[in-house]
N, C-alpha and C. Protein backbone atom coordinates (compact mmCIF):
# COMPACT_ATOMS: atom_id res chain seq x y z
N MET A 1 94.64 106.77 103.76
CA MET A 1 93.94 107.17 104.98
C MET A 1 92.94 106.09 105.35
N PHE A 2 93.09 105.54 106.57
CA PHE A 2 92.30 104.38 106.96
C PHE A 2 91.84 104.53 108.41
N PRO A 3 90.53 104.71 108.67
CA PRO A 3 90.06 104.87 110.04
C PRO A 3 90.13 103.57 110.83
N ILE A 4 90.46 103.67 112.12
CA ILE A 4 90.53 102.46 112.95
C ILE A 4 89.61 102.53 114.17
N ARG A 5 89.21 103.73 114.60
CA ARG A 5 88.26 103.86 115.71
C ARG A 5 87.86 105.33 115.85
N ASP A 6 86.74 105.53 116.57
CA ASP A 6 86.34 106.91 116.87
C ASP A 6 86.36 107.10 118.38
N ASN A 7 86.08 108.32 118.81
CA ASN A 7 86.19 108.63 120.24
C ASN A 7 84.82 108.81 120.90
N LEU A 8 83.75 108.31 120.25
CA LEU A 8 82.41 108.49 120.78
C LEU A 8 81.95 107.24 121.53
N PRO A 9 81.70 107.34 122.82
CA PRO A 9 81.14 106.20 123.55
C PRO A 9 79.66 106.04 123.21
N THR A 10 79.13 104.85 123.41
CA THR A 10 77.70 104.61 123.20
C THR A 10 77.03 104.39 124.55
N ARG A 11 75.74 104.67 124.60
CA ARG A 11 74.99 104.49 125.84
C ARG A 11 74.61 103.03 126.06
N ARG A 12 74.45 102.31 124.95
CA ARG A 12 74.06 100.90 125.02
C ARG A 12 74.93 100.10 124.06
N PHE A 13 75.04 98.82 124.31
CA PHE A 13 75.78 97.97 123.38
C PHE A 13 75.01 97.89 122.07
N ALA A 14 75.73 97.95 120.96
CA ALA A 14 75.11 97.97 119.63
C ALA A 14 74.83 96.54 119.16
N TRP A 15 73.72 95.99 119.66
CA TRP A 15 73.40 94.59 119.36
C TRP A 15 73.10 94.36 117.88
N VAL A 16 72.41 95.29 117.24
CA VAL A 16 72.07 95.11 115.82
C VAL A 16 73.34 95.16 114.97
N THR A 17 74.20 96.12 115.25
CA THR A 17 75.47 96.20 114.52
C THR A 17 76.28 94.92 114.69
N ALA A 18 76.35 94.42 115.93
CA ALA A 18 77.09 93.19 116.19
C ALA A 18 76.45 92.01 115.47
N ALA A 19 75.11 91.96 115.45
CA ALA A 19 74.42 90.86 114.78
C ALA A 19 74.65 90.91 113.27
N LEU A 20 74.65 92.11 112.69
CA LEU A 20 74.91 92.24 111.26
C LEU A 20 76.33 91.78 110.92
N ILE A 21 77.28 92.13 111.77
CA ILE A 21 78.66 91.68 111.55
C ILE A 21 78.73 90.16 111.64
N ALA A 22 78.05 89.57 112.63
CA ALA A 22 78.05 88.12 112.78
C ALA A 22 77.43 87.44 111.57
N LEU A 23 76.33 87.98 111.05
CA LEU A 23 75.70 87.39 109.87
C LEU A 23 76.61 87.47 108.66
N ASN A 24 77.30 88.58 108.51
CA ASN A 24 78.23 88.71 107.39
C ASN A 24 79.37 87.70 107.50
N VAL A 25 79.88 87.50 108.71
CA VAL A 25 80.97 86.54 108.91
C VAL A 25 80.48 85.12 108.63
N LEU A 26 79.27 84.78 109.10
CA LEU A 26 78.72 83.45 108.84
C LEU A 26 78.52 83.23 107.34
N ALA A 27 78.03 84.26 106.65
CA ALA A 27 77.85 84.15 105.21
C ALA A 27 79.19 83.96 104.50
N PHE A 28 80.23 84.63 104.99
CA PHE A 28 81.55 84.47 104.39
C PHE A 28 82.09 83.06 104.61
N LEU A 29 81.84 82.51 105.79
CA LEU A 29 82.25 81.12 106.05
C LEU A 29 81.51 80.16 105.10
N ALA A 30 80.23 80.47 104.84
CA ALA A 30 79.49 79.66 103.88
C ALA A 30 80.10 79.78 102.49
N GLU A 31 80.55 80.97 102.13
CA GLU A 31 81.21 81.15 100.83
C GLU A 31 82.46 80.30 100.72
N LEU A 32 83.22 80.21 101.80
CA LEU A 32 84.42 79.37 101.79
C LEU A 32 84.06 77.91 101.57
N LEU A 33 82.94 77.49 102.17
CA LEU A 33 82.47 76.12 101.98
C LEU A 33 82.04 75.90 100.53
N TRP A 34 81.31 76.86 99.98
CA TRP A 34 80.89 76.74 98.57
C TRP A 34 82.09 76.74 97.64
N MET A 35 83.11 77.51 97.99
CA MET A 35 84.32 77.52 97.17
C MET A 35 84.97 76.14 97.17
N ALA A 36 85.02 75.51 98.34
CA ALA A 36 85.61 74.17 98.43
C ALA A 36 84.80 73.16 97.64
N GLU A 37 83.49 73.38 97.56
CA GLU A 37 82.61 72.46 96.82
C GLU A 37 82.54 72.80 95.34
N GLY A 38 83.10 73.94 94.95
CA GLY A 38 83.07 74.34 93.55
C GLY A 38 81.75 74.97 93.12
N THR A 39 80.93 75.44 94.08
CA THR A 39 79.62 76.01 93.74
C THR A 39 79.54 77.51 94.07
N LEU A 40 80.66 78.14 94.38
CA LEU A 40 80.63 79.53 94.79
C LEU A 40 80.12 80.45 93.69
N ASP A 41 80.61 80.29 92.48
CA ASP A 41 80.18 81.16 91.38
C ASP A 41 78.68 81.08 91.16
N GLN A 42 78.15 79.87 91.22
CA GLN A 42 76.71 79.69 91.04
C GLN A 42 75.93 80.39 92.15
N ALA A 43 76.41 80.26 93.39
CA ALA A 43 75.74 80.91 94.52
C ALA A 43 75.77 82.42 94.39
N ILE A 44 76.91 82.95 93.95
CA ILE A 44 77.04 84.40 93.80
C ILE A 44 76.05 84.92 92.76
N TYR A 45 75.88 84.20 91.66
CA TYR A 45 74.96 84.64 90.62
C TYR A 45 73.51 84.54 91.08
N ILE A 46 73.21 83.60 91.97
CA ILE A 46 71.85 83.46 92.47
C ILE A 46 71.54 84.52 93.53
N MET A 47 72.46 84.73 94.47
CA MET A 47 72.21 85.61 95.61
C MET A 47 72.74 87.02 95.42
N GLY A 48 73.59 87.23 94.43
CA GLY A 48 74.03 88.57 94.11
C GLY A 48 73.03 89.25 93.17
N VAL A 49 73.12 90.56 93.06
CA VAL A 49 72.22 91.32 92.18
C VAL A 49 72.89 91.49 90.82
N VAL A 50 72.28 90.91 89.80
CA VAL A 50 72.76 91.06 88.43
C VAL A 50 71.89 92.12 87.75
N PRO A 51 72.44 93.30 87.47
CA PRO A 51 71.61 94.39 86.93
C PRO A 51 70.78 93.99 85.71
N TYR A 52 71.34 93.21 84.81
CA TYR A 52 70.60 92.81 83.61
C TYR A 52 69.33 92.06 83.98
N GLU A 53 69.41 91.21 85.01
CA GLU A 53 68.23 90.46 85.44
C GLU A 53 67.20 91.38 86.07
N VAL A 54 67.65 92.40 86.77
CA VAL A 54 66.73 93.36 87.38
C VAL A 54 65.94 94.10 86.31
N THR A 55 66.61 94.50 85.24
CA THR A 55 65.98 95.33 84.22
C THR A 55 65.31 94.53 83.10
N HIS A 56 65.63 93.23 83.00
CA HIS A 56 65.08 92.45 81.88
C HIS A 56 64.24 91.25 82.31
N THR A 57 64.58 90.60 83.42
CA THR A 57 63.86 89.37 83.81
C THR A 57 63.55 89.41 85.31
N PHE A 58 62.97 90.50 85.78
CA PHE A 58 62.74 90.68 87.21
C PHE A 58 61.79 89.60 87.73
N SER A 59 62.11 89.07 88.92
CA SER A 59 61.32 88.01 89.54
C SER A 59 61.46 88.13 91.06
N LEU A 60 60.75 87.28 91.79
CA LEU A 60 60.85 87.28 93.25
C LEU A 60 62.26 86.93 93.69
N GLN A 61 62.89 86.01 92.97
CA GLN A 61 64.27 85.64 93.31
C GLN A 61 65.21 86.82 93.12
N VAL A 62 65.01 87.56 92.05
CA VAL A 62 65.83 88.75 91.80
C VAL A 62 65.59 89.79 92.89
N ALA A 63 64.32 89.96 93.29
CA ALA A 63 64.00 90.91 94.35
C ALA A 63 64.68 90.51 95.66
N ALA A 64 64.67 89.21 95.97
CA ALA A 64 65.30 88.72 97.20
C ALA A 64 66.80 88.95 97.19
N SER A 65 67.39 88.96 96.00
CA SER A 65 68.83 89.13 95.91
C SER A 65 69.29 90.51 96.38
N PHE A 66 68.38 91.49 96.41
CA PHE A 66 68.74 92.81 96.93
C PHE A 66 69.10 92.73 98.42
N LEU A 67 68.53 91.74 99.12
CA LEU A 67 68.86 91.53 100.52
C LEU A 67 70.04 90.58 100.68
N THR A 68 69.99 89.45 100.00
CA THR A 68 71.05 88.44 100.18
C THR A 68 72.40 88.95 99.71
N SER A 69 72.41 89.81 98.70
CA SER A 69 73.69 90.31 98.17
C SER A 69 74.46 91.12 99.20
N MET A 70 73.74 91.71 100.18
CA MET A 70 74.39 92.55 101.19
C MET A 70 75.26 91.75 102.15
N PHE A 71 75.09 90.43 102.16
CA PHE A 71 75.82 89.61 103.13
C PHE A 71 76.90 88.75 102.46
N LEU A 72 77.16 88.99 101.18
CA LEU A 72 78.20 88.27 100.46
C LEU A 72 79.38 89.20 100.19
N HIS A 73 80.57 88.62 100.15
CA HIS A 73 81.77 89.43 99.91
C HIS A 73 82.73 88.70 98.98
N GLY A 74 83.59 89.50 98.35
CA GLY A 74 84.48 88.96 97.32
C GLY A 74 85.83 88.53 97.82
N GLY A 75 86.04 88.45 99.12
CA GLY A 75 87.34 88.02 99.65
C GLY A 75 87.51 88.51 101.07
N PHE A 76 88.61 88.07 101.70
CA PHE A 76 88.83 88.40 103.10
C PHE A 76 88.99 89.91 103.32
N MET A 77 89.78 90.58 102.48
CA MET A 77 89.99 92.01 102.66
C MET A 77 88.70 92.79 102.46
N HIS A 78 87.86 92.31 101.55
CA HIS A 78 86.57 92.96 101.29
C HIS A 78 85.71 92.96 102.56
N ILE A 79 85.53 91.78 103.15
CA ILE A 79 84.68 91.70 104.34
C ILE A 79 85.36 92.35 105.55
N ALA A 80 86.67 92.20 105.69
CA ALA A 80 87.36 92.78 106.84
C ALA A 80 87.23 94.30 106.86
N GLY A 81 87.45 94.93 105.71
CA GLY A 81 87.32 96.38 105.63
C GLY A 81 85.89 96.84 105.89
N ASN A 82 84.94 96.15 105.30
CA ASN A 82 83.54 96.53 105.50
C ASN A 82 83.11 96.40 106.96
N MET A 83 83.50 95.30 107.59
CA MET A 83 83.07 95.08 108.97
C MET A 83 83.75 96.05 109.93
N LEU A 84 84.97 96.44 109.64
CA LEU A 84 85.64 97.45 110.47
C LEU A 84 84.89 98.77 110.39
N TYR A 85 84.55 99.19 109.19
CA TYR A 85 83.80 100.43 109.02
C TYR A 85 82.44 100.34 109.69
N LEU A 86 81.78 99.19 109.56
CA LEU A 86 80.46 99.03 110.16
C LEU A 86 80.54 99.15 111.68
N TRP A 87 81.57 98.56 112.29
CA TRP A 87 81.67 98.63 113.74
C TRP A 87 82.04 100.03 114.21
N ILE A 88 82.99 100.68 113.54
CA ILE A 88 83.43 102.01 113.97
C ILE A 88 82.26 103.00 113.94
N PHE A 89 81.51 102.99 112.83
CA PHE A 89 80.50 104.02 112.64
C PHE A 89 79.08 103.54 112.93
N GLY A 90 78.84 102.24 112.81
CA GLY A 90 77.49 101.73 113.00
C GLY A 90 77.01 101.78 114.43
N ASN A 91 77.91 101.55 115.39
CA ASN A 91 77.44 101.50 116.78
C ASN A 91 76.87 102.84 117.25
N ASN A 92 77.49 103.94 116.84
CA ASN A 92 76.98 105.25 117.24
C ASN A 92 75.69 105.62 116.51
N VAL A 93 75.59 105.25 115.24
CA VAL A 93 74.35 105.54 114.50
C VAL A 93 73.21 104.70 115.07
N GLU A 94 73.48 103.44 115.39
CA GLU A 94 72.47 102.61 116.03
C GLU A 94 72.04 103.21 117.36
N ASP A 95 73.00 103.68 118.13
CA ASP A 95 72.71 104.28 119.43
C ASP A 95 71.81 105.50 119.28
N ALA A 96 72.04 106.27 118.22
CA ALA A 96 71.26 107.49 118.01
C ALA A 96 69.86 107.20 117.47
N MET A 97 69.73 106.15 116.67
CA MET A 97 68.45 105.84 116.05
C MET A 97 67.58 104.91 116.88
N GLY A 98 68.21 104.02 117.62
CA GLY A 98 67.49 102.91 118.22
C GLY A 98 67.64 101.68 117.33
N ARG A 99 67.46 100.51 117.91
CA ARG A 99 67.81 99.28 117.21
C ARG A 99 66.93 98.99 116.00
N LEU A 100 65.61 99.07 116.16
CA LEU A 100 64.74 98.73 115.04
C LEU A 100 64.86 99.74 113.91
N ARG A 101 64.93 101.01 114.24
CA ARG A 101 65.10 102.03 113.20
C ARG A 101 66.42 101.84 112.47
N PHE A 102 67.46 101.50 113.22
CA PHE A 102 68.76 101.32 112.59
C PHE A 102 68.74 100.12 111.64
N LEU A 103 68.11 99.03 112.05
CA LEU A 103 68.03 97.85 111.18
C LEU A 103 67.31 98.19 109.89
N PHE A 104 66.18 98.87 110.01
CA PHE A 104 65.45 99.30 108.81
C PHE A 104 66.33 100.20 107.95
N PHE A 105 66.95 101.17 108.59
CA PHE A 105 67.80 102.13 107.87
C PHE A 105 68.94 101.42 107.13
N TYR A 106 69.60 100.49 107.79
CA TYR A 106 70.72 99.77 107.19
C TYR A 106 70.27 98.99 105.95
N LEU A 107 69.20 98.22 106.10
CA LEU A 107 68.74 97.40 104.97
C LEU A 107 68.22 98.28 103.84
N PHE A 108 67.48 99.33 104.18
CA PHE A 108 66.96 100.22 103.15
C PHE A 108 68.08 100.92 102.40
N SER A 109 69.11 101.35 103.14
CA SER A 109 70.26 102.00 102.49
C SER A 109 70.93 101.05 101.51
N GLY A 110 71.06 99.79 101.92
CA GLY A 110 71.68 98.80 101.04
C GLY A 110 70.88 98.56 99.78
N ILE A 111 69.56 98.51 99.92
CA ILE A 111 68.70 98.30 98.75
C ILE A 111 68.79 99.48 97.79
N VAL A 112 68.70 100.69 98.33
CA VAL A 112 68.79 101.89 97.48
C VAL A 112 70.16 101.98 96.83
N ALA A 113 71.21 101.65 97.57
CA ALA A 113 72.56 101.70 97.03
C ALA A 113 72.71 100.76 95.84
N THR A 114 72.20 99.54 95.99
CA THR A 114 72.27 98.59 94.88
C THR A 114 71.44 99.08 93.70
N GLY A 115 70.28 99.67 94.01
CA GLY A 115 69.45 100.23 92.94
C GLY A 115 70.17 101.32 92.16
N ALA A 116 70.97 102.11 92.86
CA ALA A 116 71.73 103.17 92.18
C ALA A 116 72.74 102.56 91.20
N GLN A 117 73.38 101.47 91.60
CA GLN A 117 74.34 100.81 90.72
C GLN A 117 73.63 100.21 89.51
N VAL A 118 72.46 99.63 89.74
CA VAL A 118 71.68 99.06 88.63
C VAL A 118 71.25 100.17 87.67
N PHE A 119 70.86 101.31 88.21
CA PHE A 119 70.41 102.43 87.37
C PHE A 119 71.52 102.90 86.45
N VAL A 120 72.75 102.94 86.95
CA VAL A 120 73.88 103.43 86.17
C VAL A 120 74.33 102.40 85.14
N GLN A 121 74.26 101.13 85.49
CA GLN A 121 74.71 100.05 84.59
C GLN A 121 73.61 99.00 84.43
N PRO A 122 72.50 99.35 83.79
CA PRO A 122 71.33 98.46 83.73
C PRO A 122 71.56 97.17 82.94
N ASN A 123 72.56 97.14 82.10
CA ASN A 123 72.79 95.94 81.27
C ASN A 123 73.97 95.10 81.75
N ALA A 124 74.55 95.48 82.88
CA ALA A 124 75.70 94.73 83.40
C ALA A 124 75.27 93.33 83.81
N GLN A 125 76.11 92.37 83.52
CA GLN A 125 75.81 90.97 83.87
C GLN A 125 76.77 90.44 84.93
N VAL A 126 77.47 91.35 85.60
CA VAL A 126 78.36 90.99 86.70
C VAL A 126 77.60 91.16 88.01
N PRO A 127 77.54 90.16 88.87
CA PRO A 127 76.79 90.28 90.14
C PRO A 127 77.37 91.37 91.03
N THR A 128 76.50 92.11 91.67
CA THR A 128 76.88 93.10 92.68
C THR A 128 76.68 92.48 94.05
N ILE A 129 77.74 92.44 94.86
CA ILE A 129 77.66 91.87 96.20
C ILE A 129 78.39 92.78 97.19
N GLY A 130 78.10 92.58 98.47
CA GLY A 130 78.83 93.29 99.50
C GLY A 130 77.95 94.21 100.33
N ALA A 131 78.42 94.49 101.53
CA ALA A 131 77.71 95.37 102.46
C ALA A 131 78.07 96.84 102.28
N SER A 132 78.92 97.14 101.31
CA SER A 132 79.44 98.51 101.18
C SER A 132 78.36 99.56 101.00
N GLY A 133 77.33 99.25 100.22
CA GLY A 133 76.28 100.23 99.99
C GLY A 133 75.52 100.57 101.26
N ALA A 134 75.18 99.54 102.03
CA ALA A 134 74.48 99.76 103.30
C ALA A 134 75.38 100.52 104.28
N ILE A 135 76.65 100.15 104.31
CA ILE A 135 77.59 100.82 105.21
C ILE A 135 77.80 102.27 104.78
N ALA A 136 77.78 102.52 103.47
CA ALA A 136 77.87 103.91 102.99
C ALA A 136 76.72 104.73 103.53
N GLY A 137 75.54 104.11 103.65
CA GLY A 137 74.41 104.80 104.26
C GLY A 137 74.70 105.17 105.70
N VAL A 138 75.34 104.26 106.43
CA VAL A 138 75.73 104.53 107.81
C VAL A 138 76.71 105.70 107.86
N LEU A 139 77.65 105.73 106.94
CA LEU A 139 78.62 106.83 106.90
C LEU A 139 77.94 108.16 106.61
N GLY A 140 76.96 108.14 105.71
CA GLY A 140 76.23 109.36 105.39
C GLY A 140 75.47 109.90 106.58
N ALA A 141 74.88 108.99 107.37
CA ALA A 141 74.18 109.42 108.58
C ALA A 141 75.17 109.94 109.61
N TYR A 142 76.29 109.24 109.76
CA TYR A 142 77.28 109.61 110.78
C TYR A 142 77.85 111.00 110.53
N ILE A 143 78.13 111.33 109.28
CA ILE A 143 78.79 112.61 109.00
C ILE A 143 77.89 113.79 109.37
N LEU A 144 76.57 113.61 109.34
CA LEU A 144 75.67 114.68 109.74
C LEU A 144 75.36 114.64 111.23
N MET A 145 75.32 113.44 111.80
CA MET A 145 75.01 113.33 113.23
C MET A 145 76.20 113.71 114.11
N PHE A 146 77.39 113.31 113.69
CA PHE A 146 78.58 113.50 114.52
C PHE A 146 79.74 114.09 113.71
N PRO A 147 79.57 115.24 113.09
CA PRO A 147 80.62 115.79 112.21
C PRO A 147 81.91 116.12 112.94
N ARG A 148 81.82 116.42 114.25
CA ARG A 148 83.01 116.81 115.00
C ARG A 148 83.65 115.66 115.76
N ALA A 149 83.09 114.47 115.63
CA ALA A 149 83.70 113.31 116.29
C ALA A 149 85.13 113.13 115.78
N ARG A 150 86.01 112.68 116.65
CA ARG A 150 87.41 112.51 116.28
C ARG A 150 87.64 111.06 115.88
N ILE A 151 88.25 110.89 114.73
CA ILE A 151 88.50 109.55 114.19
C ILE A 151 90.00 109.29 114.18
N ASP A 152 90.42 108.23 114.88
CA ASP A 152 91.82 107.81 114.79
C ASP A 152 92.04 107.19 113.41
N THR A 153 92.95 107.79 112.65
CA THR A 153 93.11 107.43 111.24
C THR A 153 94.57 107.13 110.94
N VAL A 154 94.80 106.04 110.23
CA VAL A 154 96.15 105.69 109.80
C VAL A 154 96.46 106.42 108.50
N LEU A 155 97.52 107.19 108.50
CA LEU A 155 97.98 107.87 107.29
C LEU A 155 99.16 107.11 106.71
N LEU A 156 99.05 106.79 105.43
CA LEU A 156 100.12 106.07 104.73
C LEU A 156 100.65 106.97 103.62
N LEU A 157 101.85 107.46 103.79
CA LEU A 157 102.51 108.29 102.78
C LEU A 157 103.88 107.69 102.49
N TRP A 158 103.93 106.95 101.39
CA TRP A 158 105.14 106.23 101.03
C TRP A 158 105.54 105.33 102.20
N ARG A 159 106.69 105.55 102.83
CA ARG A 159 107.10 104.72 103.96
C ARG A 159 106.72 105.32 105.30
N PHE A 160 106.03 106.44 105.23
CA PHE A 160 105.64 107.15 106.45
C PHE A 160 104.27 106.65 106.91
N ILE A 161 104.20 106.11 108.12
CA ILE A 161 102.94 105.63 108.70
C ILE A 161 102.73 106.31 110.04
N ARG A 162 101.56 106.92 110.20
CA ARG A 162 101.28 107.62 111.45
C ARG A 162 99.79 107.59 111.73
N ILE A 163 99.42 107.49 113.02
CA ILE A 163 98.03 107.55 113.43
C ILE A 163 97.73 108.96 113.91
N VAL A 164 96.74 109.60 113.31
CA VAL A 164 96.35 110.96 113.67
C VAL A 164 94.85 110.99 113.94
N GLN A 165 94.42 111.97 114.71
CA GLN A 165 92.99 112.19 114.95
C GLN A 165 92.48 113.27 114.02
N LEU A 166 91.43 112.93 113.27
CA LEU A 166 90.83 113.87 112.33
C LEU A 166 89.33 113.95 112.58
N PRO A 167 88.71 115.09 112.31
CA PRO A 167 87.26 115.19 112.45
C PRO A 167 86.54 114.26 111.47
N ALA A 168 85.42 113.73 111.89
CA ALA A 168 84.66 112.83 111.03
C ALA A 168 84.29 113.48 109.71
N ILE A 169 84.00 114.78 109.75
CA ILE A 169 83.61 115.46 108.51
C ILE A 169 84.74 115.46 107.48
N VAL A 170 85.99 115.43 107.96
CA VAL A 170 87.14 115.37 107.06
C VAL A 170 87.33 113.95 106.53
N VAL A 171 87.33 112.97 107.44
CA VAL A 171 87.57 111.58 107.05
C VAL A 171 86.48 111.09 106.09
N LEU A 172 85.23 111.28 106.47
CA LEU A 172 84.13 110.77 105.65
C LEU A 172 83.87 111.67 104.44
N GLY A 173 84.14 112.96 104.58
CA GLY A 173 84.01 113.83 103.43
C GLY A 173 84.99 113.46 102.33
N LEU A 174 86.24 113.20 102.70
CA LEU A 174 87.23 112.78 101.71
C LEU A 174 86.88 111.41 101.13
N TRP A 175 86.34 110.53 101.96
CA TRP A 175 85.90 109.22 101.47
C TRP A 175 84.85 109.38 100.38
N PHE A 176 83.89 110.26 100.61
CA PHE A 176 82.82 110.45 99.64
C PHE A 176 83.34 111.10 98.36
N VAL A 177 84.24 112.05 98.50
CA VAL A 177 84.83 112.68 97.31
C VAL A 177 85.55 111.64 96.46
N LEU A 178 86.23 110.71 97.12
CA LEU A 178 86.93 109.65 96.39
C LEU A 178 85.94 108.76 95.64
N GLN A 179 84.80 108.47 96.27
CA GLN A 179 83.78 107.66 95.58
C GLN A 179 83.24 108.40 94.36
N LEU A 180 82.98 109.70 94.52
CA LEU A 180 82.49 110.49 93.39
C LEU A 180 83.49 110.53 92.25
N PHE A 181 84.75 110.74 92.60
CA PHE A 181 85.80 110.84 91.58
C PHE A 181 85.90 109.53 90.80
N ASN A 182 85.98 108.42 91.51
CA ASN A 182 86.10 107.13 90.83
C ASN A 182 84.82 106.74 90.10
N GLY A 183 83.69 107.14 90.66
CA GLY A 183 82.43 106.87 89.98
C GLY A 183 82.34 107.59 88.65
N LEU A 184 82.75 108.85 88.63
CA LEU A 184 82.73 109.60 87.38
C LEU A 184 83.70 109.03 86.36
N LEU A 185 84.85 108.56 86.84
CA LEU A 185 85.82 107.94 85.92
C LEU A 185 85.27 106.66 85.31
N SER A 186 84.46 105.92 86.09
CA SER A 186 83.95 104.64 85.60
C SER A 186 82.65 104.78 84.83
N PHE A 187 82.07 105.99 84.84
CA PHE A 187 80.76 106.18 84.22
C PHE A 187 80.82 105.86 82.72
N GLY A 188 79.86 105.04 82.29
CA GLY A 188 79.78 104.68 80.89
C GLY A 188 80.63 103.50 80.49
N LEU A 189 81.50 103.02 81.39
CA LEU A 189 82.33 101.87 81.06
C LEU A 189 81.55 100.59 81.29
N ALA A 190 81.86 99.57 80.53
CA ALA A 190 81.21 98.28 80.72
C ALA A 190 81.66 97.67 82.04
N ALA A 191 80.72 97.07 82.79
CA ALA A 191 81.04 96.47 84.08
C ALA A 191 81.77 95.16 83.89
N THR A 192 82.96 95.07 84.42
CA THR A 192 83.75 93.83 84.31
C THR A 192 84.19 93.35 85.68
N GLY A 193 83.54 93.84 86.72
CA GLY A 193 83.93 93.48 88.08
C GLY A 193 84.63 94.65 88.74
N GLY A 194 84.93 94.52 90.02
CA GLY A 194 85.60 95.59 90.75
C GLY A 194 84.66 96.25 91.73
N ILE A 195 84.86 97.54 91.97
CA ILE A 195 84.12 98.26 93.01
C ILE A 195 82.88 98.94 92.41
N ALA A 196 81.74 98.78 93.11
CA ALA A 196 80.49 99.40 92.68
C ALA A 196 80.43 100.81 93.24
N TRP A 197 81.09 101.75 92.57
CA TRP A 197 81.22 103.10 93.09
C TRP A 197 79.88 103.78 93.30
N PHE A 198 78.95 103.56 92.36
CA PHE A 198 77.67 104.26 92.47
C PHE A 198 76.79 103.67 93.56
N ALA A 199 77.04 102.44 93.97
CA ALA A 199 76.36 101.91 95.14
C ALA A 199 76.82 102.67 96.38
N HIS A 200 78.11 102.96 96.47
CA HIS A 200 78.64 103.74 97.58
C HIS A 200 78.04 105.14 97.59
N ILE A 201 77.99 105.76 96.41
CA ILE A 201 77.46 107.12 96.31
C ILE A 201 75.97 107.13 96.69
N GLY A 202 75.21 106.19 96.13
CA GLY A 202 73.78 106.14 96.43
C GLY A 202 73.51 105.88 97.90
N GLY A 203 74.27 104.96 98.50
CA GLY A 203 74.09 104.66 99.91
C GLY A 203 74.40 105.86 100.79
N PHE A 204 75.49 106.56 100.49
CA PHE A 204 75.89 107.73 101.28
C PHE A 204 74.82 108.82 101.21
N VAL A 205 74.30 109.06 100.02
CA VAL A 205 73.29 110.12 99.85
C VAL A 205 72.02 109.79 100.61
N VAL A 206 71.55 108.54 100.51
CA VAL A 206 70.32 108.17 101.23
C VAL A 206 70.57 108.19 102.73
N GLY A 207 71.80 107.88 103.15
CA GLY A 207 72.13 107.96 104.57
C GLY A 207 72.05 109.39 105.08
N MET A 208 72.55 110.33 104.31
CA MET A 208 72.48 111.74 104.69
C MET A 208 71.03 112.22 104.72
N ALA A 209 70.22 111.70 103.82
CA ALA A 209 68.83 112.15 103.74
C ALA A 209 67.98 111.58 104.87
N LEU A 210 68.18 110.31 105.20
CA LEU A 210 67.32 109.65 106.17
C LEU A 210 67.87 109.68 107.59
N GLY A 211 69.19 109.70 107.74
CA GLY A 211 69.79 109.59 109.05
C GLY A 211 69.24 110.57 110.07
N PRO A 212 69.28 111.86 109.79
CA PRO A 212 68.77 112.84 110.77
C PRO A 212 67.28 112.67 111.05
N LEU A 213 66.51 112.19 110.07
CA LEU A 213 65.07 112.02 110.27
C LEU A 213 64.76 110.87 111.22
N LEU A 214 65.64 109.86 111.23
CA LEU A 214 65.40 108.68 112.06
C LEU A 214 66.04 108.78 113.43
N ARG A 215 66.77 109.85 113.67
CA ARG A 215 67.43 109.99 114.96
C ARG A 215 66.41 110.20 116.07
N GLN A 216 66.57 109.46 117.15
CA GLN A 216 65.67 109.60 118.28
C GLN A 216 65.96 110.86 119.06
N ARG A 217 64.94 111.36 119.76
CA ARG A 217 65.18 112.48 120.66
C ARG A 217 66.05 112.01 121.82
N GLN A 218 66.81 112.91 122.35
CA GLN A 218 67.69 112.57 123.47
C GLN A 218 66.88 112.12 124.68
N ARG A 219 67.37 111.04 125.30
CA ARG A 219 66.71 110.51 126.48
C ARG A 219 67.70 110.37 127.62
N MET A 220 67.17 110.29 128.82
CA MET A 220 68.00 110.01 129.97
C MET A 220 67.98 108.51 130.21
N TRP A 221 69.16 107.90 130.21
CA TRP A 221 69.26 106.45 130.43
C TRP A 221 69.76 106.19 131.85
N LEU A 222 68.98 105.39 132.59
CA LEU A 222 69.31 105.09 133.98
C LEU A 222 70.23 103.87 134.06
């Protein structure tokens, strides 16, 4: 099940969402350059969040990595999927919150999401990178703000492919259940890379908690 668009128009263009996508793309292009130079691994360890460093050798550089890690990705499919989700769901959440509130909300969700992953695996020495935690916060806000929104979703069942419209509460609810299921399966295992399930869970929860509080009152736009 893969969402491709929703049916909710926005009152204004989502400039912050677009800017965040642009920054992520620029950072990914920089990663390709670092890969060509042979310095990508070093950059990832510097700008990604290494839980062991957070819990054992915390510094200003480690603190800064909570922000820089949100703009790094582990490959084309990683960034493509994240940016698609950010555009589908971020523009409406930005529209509901306003630009500055949304920017704060996005960055704060990402920081809390990464913190959740560090809390679960405090001794892991694998860098945590990606916008998924912040985007999970956006999803958590969206499911409460627009539960009845219709999401065009690709269903893949063996060789059967079909696009259907499903309520946001179904699409995002199933997404969250999947994160919980995989997170519980991975609990207690040594981190060797892969998906930071608890960052997704933490981001979604903080999104549900903060999203409705940051929503602006309805206004008339001329």
